[in-house]
N, C-alpha and C. Protein backbone atom coordinates (compact mmCIF):
# COMPACT_ATOMS: atom_id res chain seq x y z
N MET A 1 0.85 -1.18 0.00
CA MET A 1 0.00 0.00 0.00
C MET A 1 0.89 1.24 0.00
N LEU A 2 0.60 2.16 -0.87
CA LEU A 2 1.30 3.44 -0.86
C LEU A 2 0.76 4.28 0.29
N LEU A 3 1.66 4.93 0.98
CA LEU A 3 1.31 5.71 2.16
C LEU A 3 1.66 7.17 1.90
N PRO A 4 0.67 8.02 1.61
CA PRO A 4 0.98 9.41 1.27
C PRO A 4 1.73 10.13 2.40
N HIS A 5 2.55 11.09 2.00
CA HIS A 5 3.24 11.93 2.97
C HIS A 5 2.20 12.57 3.89
N GLY A 6 2.43 12.52 5.18
CA GLY A 6 1.53 13.13 6.15
C GLY A 6 0.42 12.22 6.64
N ALA A 7 0.25 11.06 6.03
CA ALA A 7 -0.80 10.14 6.47
C ALA A 7 -0.52 9.69 7.90
N VAL A 8 -1.59 9.49 8.64
CA VAL A 8 -1.49 9.02 10.02
C VAL A 8 -1.86 7.54 10.06
N ILE A 9 -1.09 6.78 10.81
CA ILE A 9 -1.35 5.36 10.99
C ILE A 9 -1.70 5.16 12.45
N ALA A 10 -2.90 4.64 12.70
CA ALA A 10 -3.34 4.32 14.06
C ALA A 10 -3.23 2.81 14.23
N VAL A 11 -2.43 2.39 15.19
CA VAL A 11 -2.26 0.98 15.51
C VAL A 11 -2.92 0.78 16.87
N ALA A 12 -3.94 -0.08 16.90
CA ALA A 12 -4.71 -0.23 18.13
C ALA A 12 -4.93 -1.70 18.45
N ASP A 13 -5.23 -1.94 19.70
CA ASP A 13 -5.76 -3.24 20.12
C ASP A 13 -6.80 -2.93 21.20
N GLY A 14 -7.17 -3.91 21.98
CA GLY A 14 -8.21 -3.69 22.97
C GLY A 14 -7.79 -2.89 24.18
N ALA A 15 -6.51 -2.52 24.26
CA ALA A 15 -6.03 -1.79 25.43
C ALA A 15 -5.10 -0.63 25.11
N LYS A 16 -4.49 -0.60 23.93
CA LYS A 16 -3.48 0.41 23.61
C LYS A 16 -3.74 1.04 22.26
N LEU A 17 -3.13 2.21 22.09
CA LEU A 17 -3.16 2.93 20.83
C LEU A 17 -1.78 3.50 20.58
N GLU A 18 -1.26 3.29 19.38
CA GLU A 18 -0.01 3.90 18.94
C GLU A 18 -0.29 4.66 17.65
N LEU A 19 0.33 5.82 17.52
CA LEU A 19 0.12 6.66 16.35
C LEU A 19 1.44 6.98 15.68
N PHE A 20 1.42 6.97 14.35
CA PHE A 20 2.59 7.31 13.55
C PHE A 20 2.14 8.23 12.42
N ARG A 21 3.09 9.05 11.94
CA ARG A 21 2.84 9.89 10.76
C ARG A 21 3.94 9.61 9.75
N ASN A 22 3.56 9.53 8.47
CA ASN A 22 4.54 9.32 7.43
C ASN A 22 5.24 10.63 7.13
N ALA A 23 6.51 10.71 7.53
CA ALA A 23 7.32 11.90 7.25
C ALA A 23 8.09 11.72 5.95
N GLY A 24 8.00 10.53 5.36
CA GLY A 24 8.69 10.26 4.09
C GLY A 24 7.76 10.47 2.92
N THR A 25 8.06 9.75 1.85
CA THR A 25 7.24 9.84 0.64
C THR A 25 6.32 8.62 0.56
N ALA A 26 5.46 8.63 -0.44
CA ALA A 26 4.53 7.51 -0.61
C ALA A 26 5.27 6.22 -0.92
N THR A 27 6.34 6.31 -1.66
CA THR A 27 7.08 5.11 -2.03
C THR A 27 8.20 4.76 -1.06
N ALA A 28 8.62 5.72 -0.26
CA ALA A 28 9.66 5.48 0.75
C ALA A 28 9.20 6.06 2.09
N PRO A 29 8.24 5.38 2.73
CA PRO A 29 7.70 5.91 3.98
C PRO A 29 8.73 5.91 5.11
N SER A 30 8.61 6.91 5.94
CA SER A 30 9.44 7.04 7.14
C SER A 30 8.49 7.44 8.26
N LEU A 31 8.18 6.51 9.13
CA LEU A 31 7.19 6.76 10.17
C LEU A 31 7.82 7.39 11.40
N THR A 32 7.19 8.43 11.88
CA THR A 32 7.59 9.04 13.14
C THR A 32 6.46 8.85 14.13
N ALA A 33 6.83 8.53 15.36
CA ALA A 33 5.82 8.32 16.40
C ALA A 33 5.18 9.65 16.79
N LEU A 34 3.89 9.61 17.02
CA LEU A 34 3.14 10.76 17.51
C LEU A 34 2.79 10.52 18.96
N PRO A 35 2.53 11.58 19.71
CA PRO A 35 2.13 11.39 21.10
C PRO A 35 0.81 10.61 21.18
N THR A 36 0.74 9.75 22.16
CA THR A 36 -0.48 8.97 22.36
C THR A 36 -1.47 9.82 23.15
N PRO A 37 -2.68 9.98 22.63
CA PRO A 37 -3.66 10.78 23.36
C PRO A 37 -4.12 10.05 24.61
N GLU A 38 -4.52 10.81 25.59
CA GLU A 38 -5.08 10.21 26.80
C GLU A 38 -6.57 10.00 26.57
N LEU A 39 -6.96 8.75 26.58
CA LEU A 39 -8.37 8.40 26.39
C LEU A 39 -8.99 8.31 27.78
N THR A 40 -9.87 9.25 28.07
CA THR A 40 -10.42 9.35 29.42
C THR A 40 -11.52 8.33 29.66
N PRO A 41 -11.76 8.01 30.94
CA PRO A 41 -12.85 7.06 31.25
C PRO A 41 -14.21 7.51 30.71
N GLN A 42 -14.42 8.82 30.56
CA GLN A 42 -15.69 9.29 30.04
C GLN A 42 -15.92 8.77 28.63
N ASN A 43 -14.90 8.87 27.75
CA ASN A 43 -15.14 8.38 26.40
C ASN A 43 -14.94 6.88 26.29
N ARG A 44 -14.26 6.25 27.25
CA ARG A 44 -14.15 4.80 27.25
C ARG A 44 -15.52 4.16 27.49
N SER A 45 -16.36 4.82 28.25
CA SER A 45 -17.67 4.25 28.55
C SER A 45 -18.59 4.24 27.33
N ALA A 46 -18.21 4.93 26.26
CA ALA A 46 -19.06 5.00 25.07
C ALA A 46 -19.28 3.63 24.44
N GLY A 47 -18.34 2.72 24.61
CA GLY A 47 -18.47 1.42 23.97
C GLY A 47 -19.25 0.41 24.78
N VAL A 48 -19.52 0.71 26.04
CA VAL A 48 -20.19 -0.26 26.89
C VAL A 48 -21.69 -0.13 26.69
N ARG A 49 -22.22 -0.99 25.84
CA ARG A 49 -23.67 -0.96 25.56
C ARG A 49 -24.29 -2.34 25.75
N ARG A 50 -23.46 -3.30 26.17
CA ARG A 50 -23.95 -4.66 26.35
C ARG A 50 -23.68 -5.11 27.77
N ASP A 51 -24.49 -6.03 28.25
CA ASP A 51 -24.30 -6.58 29.58
C ASP A 51 -23.18 -7.61 29.56
N SER A 52 -22.49 -7.73 30.70
CA SER A 52 -21.46 -8.74 30.84
C SER A 52 -22.13 -10.10 31.05
N THR A 53 -21.73 -11.07 30.24
CA THR A 53 -22.26 -12.43 30.34
C THR A 53 -21.11 -13.40 30.12
N VAL A 54 -21.39 -14.67 30.21
CA VAL A 54 -20.36 -15.66 29.93
C VAL A 54 -19.89 -15.52 28.49
N ILE A 55 -20.80 -15.23 27.58
CA ILE A 55 -20.45 -15.07 26.16
C ILE A 55 -19.72 -13.76 25.94
N ASN A 56 -20.04 -12.72 26.69
CA ASN A 56 -19.45 -11.39 26.52
C ASN A 56 -18.86 -10.95 27.86
N PRO A 57 -17.70 -11.50 28.26
CA PRO A 57 -17.15 -11.21 29.57
C PRO A 57 -16.75 -9.76 29.75
N GLU A 58 -16.54 -9.38 31.00
CA GLU A 58 -16.21 -8.00 31.37
C GLU A 58 -14.97 -7.48 30.64
N ASP A 59 -13.94 -8.33 30.50
CA ASP A 59 -12.73 -7.85 29.82
C ASP A 59 -13.01 -7.51 28.36
N GLN A 60 -13.93 -8.22 27.72
CA GLN A 60 -14.30 -7.89 26.35
C GLN A 60 -15.04 -6.56 26.29
N LEU A 61 -15.85 -6.29 27.31
CA LEU A 61 -16.53 -5.00 27.37
C LEU A 61 -15.52 -3.87 27.48
N GLU A 62 -14.46 -4.08 28.28
CA GLU A 62 -13.41 -3.07 28.41
C GLU A 62 -12.68 -2.86 27.09
N GLU A 63 -12.40 -3.94 26.37
CA GLU A 63 -11.74 -3.82 25.07
C GLU A 63 -12.62 -3.09 24.07
N ASP A 64 -13.92 -3.39 24.08
CA ASP A 64 -14.85 -2.70 23.20
C ASP A 64 -14.95 -1.22 23.56
N ALA A 65 -14.92 -0.91 24.86
CA ALA A 65 -14.97 0.48 25.31
C ALA A 65 -13.72 1.22 24.86
N HIS A 66 -12.57 0.56 24.94
CA HIS A 66 -11.34 1.19 24.47
C HIS A 66 -11.41 1.47 22.97
N ALA A 67 -11.90 0.50 22.19
CA ALA A 67 -12.03 0.70 20.75
C ALA A 67 -12.96 1.87 20.45
N ALA A 68 -14.05 1.98 21.20
CA ALA A 68 -14.98 3.10 21.01
C ALA A 68 -14.30 4.43 21.32
N ALA A 69 -13.47 4.45 22.37
CA ALA A 69 -12.76 5.67 22.74
C ALA A 69 -11.74 6.04 21.65
N VAL A 70 -11.05 5.05 21.10
CA VAL A 70 -10.10 5.30 20.01
C VAL A 70 -10.84 5.88 18.81
N ALA A 71 -11.95 5.26 18.44
CA ALA A 71 -12.73 5.75 17.29
C ALA A 71 -13.23 7.17 17.54
N GLU A 72 -13.67 7.44 18.75
CA GLU A 72 -14.16 8.78 19.08
C GLU A 72 -13.03 9.81 18.91
N TRP A 73 -11.85 9.46 19.38
CA TRP A 73 -10.71 10.37 19.26
C TRP A 73 -10.35 10.57 17.78
N LEU A 74 -10.27 9.46 17.02
CA LEU A 74 -9.96 9.57 15.59
C LEU A 74 -11.02 10.39 14.85
N ASN A 75 -12.29 10.17 15.17
CA ASN A 75 -13.36 10.97 14.56
C ASN A 75 -13.11 12.45 14.80
N HIS A 76 -12.79 12.82 16.04
CA HIS A 76 -12.55 14.22 16.38
C HIS A 76 -11.38 14.79 15.58
N GLU A 77 -10.30 14.03 15.48
CA GLU A 77 -9.13 14.49 14.75
C GLU A 77 -9.43 14.69 13.26
N VAL A 78 -10.22 13.81 12.69
CA VAL A 78 -10.61 13.95 11.28
C VAL A 78 -11.55 15.14 11.11
N LEU A 79 -12.52 15.27 11.98
CA LEU A 79 -13.51 16.36 11.87
C LEU A 79 -12.88 17.73 12.07
N THR A 80 -11.79 17.80 12.85
CA THR A 80 -11.10 19.08 13.07
C THR A 80 -9.91 19.25 12.11
N HIS A 81 -9.83 18.38 11.12
CA HIS A 81 -8.83 18.45 10.04
C HIS A 81 -7.39 18.29 10.52
N ARG A 82 -7.20 17.63 11.64
CA ARG A 82 -5.85 17.32 12.10
C ARG A 82 -5.34 16.05 11.42
N ILE A 83 -6.28 15.23 10.95
CA ILE A 83 -5.93 14.03 10.19
C ILE A 83 -6.66 14.12 8.86
N GLU A 84 -5.89 14.10 7.77
CA GLU A 84 -6.48 14.16 6.43
C GLU A 84 -6.56 12.77 5.79
N LYS A 85 -5.52 11.95 6.01
CA LYS A 85 -5.45 10.59 5.48
C LYS A 85 -5.11 9.67 6.64
N LEU A 86 -5.81 8.53 6.72
CA LEU A 86 -5.69 7.65 7.87
C LEU A 86 -5.62 6.19 7.45
N VAL A 87 -4.76 5.44 8.12
CA VAL A 87 -4.70 3.99 8.01
C VAL A 87 -4.92 3.45 9.42
N VAL A 88 -5.77 2.46 9.55
CA VAL A 88 -6.05 1.84 10.85
C VAL A 88 -5.58 0.39 10.81
N ILE A 89 -4.79 0.01 11.81
CA ILE A 89 -4.30 -1.35 11.95
C ILE A 89 -4.73 -1.85 13.32
N ALA A 90 -5.45 -2.97 13.34
CA ALA A 90 -5.93 -3.53 14.60
C ALA A 90 -6.28 -5.00 14.39
N PRO A 91 -6.28 -5.79 15.46
CA PRO A 91 -6.74 -7.17 15.33
C PRO A 91 -8.17 -7.19 14.79
N PRO A 92 -8.57 -8.26 14.12
CA PRO A 92 -9.89 -8.28 13.47
C PRO A 92 -11.06 -7.89 14.37
N ARG A 93 -11.12 -8.40 15.59
CA ARG A 93 -12.26 -8.09 16.44
C ARG A 93 -12.27 -6.61 16.83
N THR A 94 -11.09 -6.08 17.16
CA THR A 94 -10.99 -4.66 17.51
C THR A 94 -11.33 -3.79 16.31
N LEU A 95 -10.85 -4.18 15.14
CA LEU A 95 -11.14 -3.43 13.92
C LEU A 95 -12.65 -3.38 13.67
N GLY A 96 -13.32 -4.50 13.90
CA GLY A 96 -14.77 -4.53 13.74
C GLY A 96 -15.47 -3.57 14.70
N GLU A 97 -15.00 -3.52 15.93
CA GLU A 97 -15.60 -2.61 16.91
C GLU A 97 -15.30 -1.16 16.54
N LEU A 98 -14.10 -0.89 16.08
CA LEU A 98 -13.77 0.47 15.64
C LEU A 98 -14.71 0.91 14.53
N ARG A 99 -14.93 0.04 13.56
CA ARG A 99 -15.80 0.38 12.41
C ARG A 99 -17.20 0.77 12.85
N ARG A 100 -17.69 0.17 13.90
CA ARG A 100 -19.04 0.49 14.39
C ARG A 100 -19.17 1.96 14.81
N HIS A 101 -18.02 2.60 15.09
CA HIS A 101 -18.04 3.96 15.63
C HIS A 101 -17.45 5.00 14.68
N TYR A 102 -17.06 4.57 13.47
CA TYR A 102 -16.51 5.53 12.51
C TYR A 102 -17.56 6.55 12.10
N HIS A 103 -17.18 7.81 12.08
CA HIS A 103 -17.99 8.88 11.51
C HIS A 103 -17.84 8.80 9.98
N LYS A 104 -18.80 9.29 9.25
CA LYS A 104 -18.71 9.22 7.78
C LYS A 104 -17.51 10.00 7.26
N GLU A 105 -17.10 11.07 7.93
CA GLU A 105 -15.91 11.82 7.51
C GLU A 105 -14.64 10.99 7.74
N LEU A 106 -14.61 10.21 8.80
CA LEU A 106 -13.47 9.33 9.04
C LEU A 106 -13.40 8.28 7.93
N THR A 107 -14.53 7.73 7.59
CA THR A 107 -14.58 6.74 6.52
C THR A 107 -14.04 7.34 5.22
N ALA A 108 -14.34 8.60 4.97
CA ALA A 108 -13.85 9.26 3.75
C ALA A 108 -12.33 9.49 3.82
N ALA A 109 -11.79 9.72 5.01
CA ALA A 109 -10.35 9.96 5.17
C ALA A 109 -9.56 8.65 5.21
N LEU A 110 -10.24 7.54 5.39
CA LEU A 110 -9.60 6.24 5.53
C LEU A 110 -9.04 5.77 4.19
N ILE A 111 -7.73 5.56 4.15
CA ILE A 111 -7.12 5.06 2.91
C ILE A 111 -6.76 3.59 3.01
N GLY A 112 -6.92 3.01 4.19
CA GLY A 112 -6.65 1.59 4.33
C GLY A 112 -6.85 1.08 5.74
N GLU A 113 -7.11 -0.20 5.83
CA GLU A 113 -7.22 -0.90 7.11
C GLU A 113 -6.44 -2.20 6.98
N LEU A 114 -5.88 -2.64 8.08
CA LEU A 114 -5.14 -3.88 8.09
C LEU A 114 -5.51 -4.65 9.35
N PRO A 115 -6.11 -5.84 9.21
CA PRO A 115 -6.50 -6.63 10.37
C PRO A 115 -5.32 -7.43 10.94
N ARG A 116 -4.46 -6.76 11.70
CA ARG A 116 -3.27 -7.39 12.27
C ARG A 116 -2.99 -6.86 13.66
N GLU A 117 -2.31 -7.63 14.46
CA GLU A 117 -1.85 -7.22 15.78
C GLU A 117 -0.43 -6.70 15.64
N LEU A 118 -0.23 -5.39 15.78
CA LEU A 118 1.10 -4.81 15.63
C LEU A 118 1.49 -3.89 16.79
N ILE A 119 0.71 -3.85 17.85
CA ILE A 119 1.04 -3.02 19.01
C ILE A 119 2.42 -3.42 19.54
N GLY A 120 3.26 -2.41 19.75
CA GLY A 120 4.58 -2.64 20.33
C GLY A 120 5.63 -3.14 19.36
N ARG A 121 5.28 -3.31 18.11
CA ARG A 121 6.24 -3.86 17.13
C ARG A 121 7.10 -2.79 16.48
N GLY A 122 6.72 -1.53 16.59
CA GLY A 122 7.53 -0.44 16.06
C GLY A 122 7.20 -0.06 14.63
N PRO A 123 7.74 1.10 14.21
CA PRO A 123 7.41 1.64 12.88
C PRO A 123 7.87 0.76 11.71
N GLN A 124 9.02 0.10 11.83
CA GLN A 124 9.49 -0.73 10.73
C GLN A 124 8.55 -1.90 10.47
N ALA A 125 8.03 -2.51 11.53
CA ALA A 125 7.07 -3.62 11.38
C ALA A 125 5.78 -3.13 10.74
N VAL A 126 5.39 -1.90 11.06
CA VAL A 126 4.18 -1.32 10.47
C VAL A 126 4.38 -1.12 8.97
N VAL A 127 5.52 -0.56 8.59
CA VAL A 127 5.81 -0.34 7.16
C VAL A 127 5.84 -1.68 6.42
N GLU A 128 6.50 -2.68 7.00
CA GLU A 128 6.56 -4.01 6.36
C GLU A 128 5.17 -4.63 6.21
N ALA A 129 4.33 -4.47 7.24
CA ALA A 129 2.97 -5.02 7.16
C ALA A 129 2.17 -4.31 6.06
N LEU A 130 2.35 -3.00 5.94
CA LEU A 130 1.64 -2.26 4.90
C LEU A 130 2.14 -2.61 3.50
N ARG A 131 3.37 -3.03 3.41
CA ARG A 131 3.92 -3.49 2.12
C ARG A 131 3.56 -4.93 1.83
N GLY A 132 2.92 -5.60 2.78
CA GLY A 132 2.50 -6.98 2.56
C GLY A 132 3.56 -8.00 2.85
N LYS A 133 4.55 -7.64 3.63
CA LYS A 133 5.63 -8.58 3.95
C LYS A 133 5.35 -9.31 5.24
């Protein structure tokens, strides 16, 4: 996948968020880490809409709440034009939960999604995953 200069890459899972910006070119990306936003308990509660059960345990509710908080933050950044182009990388279940909360403007800014677990792997692993390696 070509990654335009300035594109933001959000790498998320059920508990963490890492952000990178392409400071390089589309064909030679160079990712720089961005500060991780503080996702407050107020917006974490946005994802909790289901009761805890054996099928949907409490830890899954927390992961869904985190995904909702990430999506809320990304929506805000897109709506305020701080993010123009976005790539989201997350495990399949987290990615599905994120999609439930995407604003239509975020969907328009989205240039790609990758269903992978890459938290903590660093910018080089992100670039390799986006290249399909």
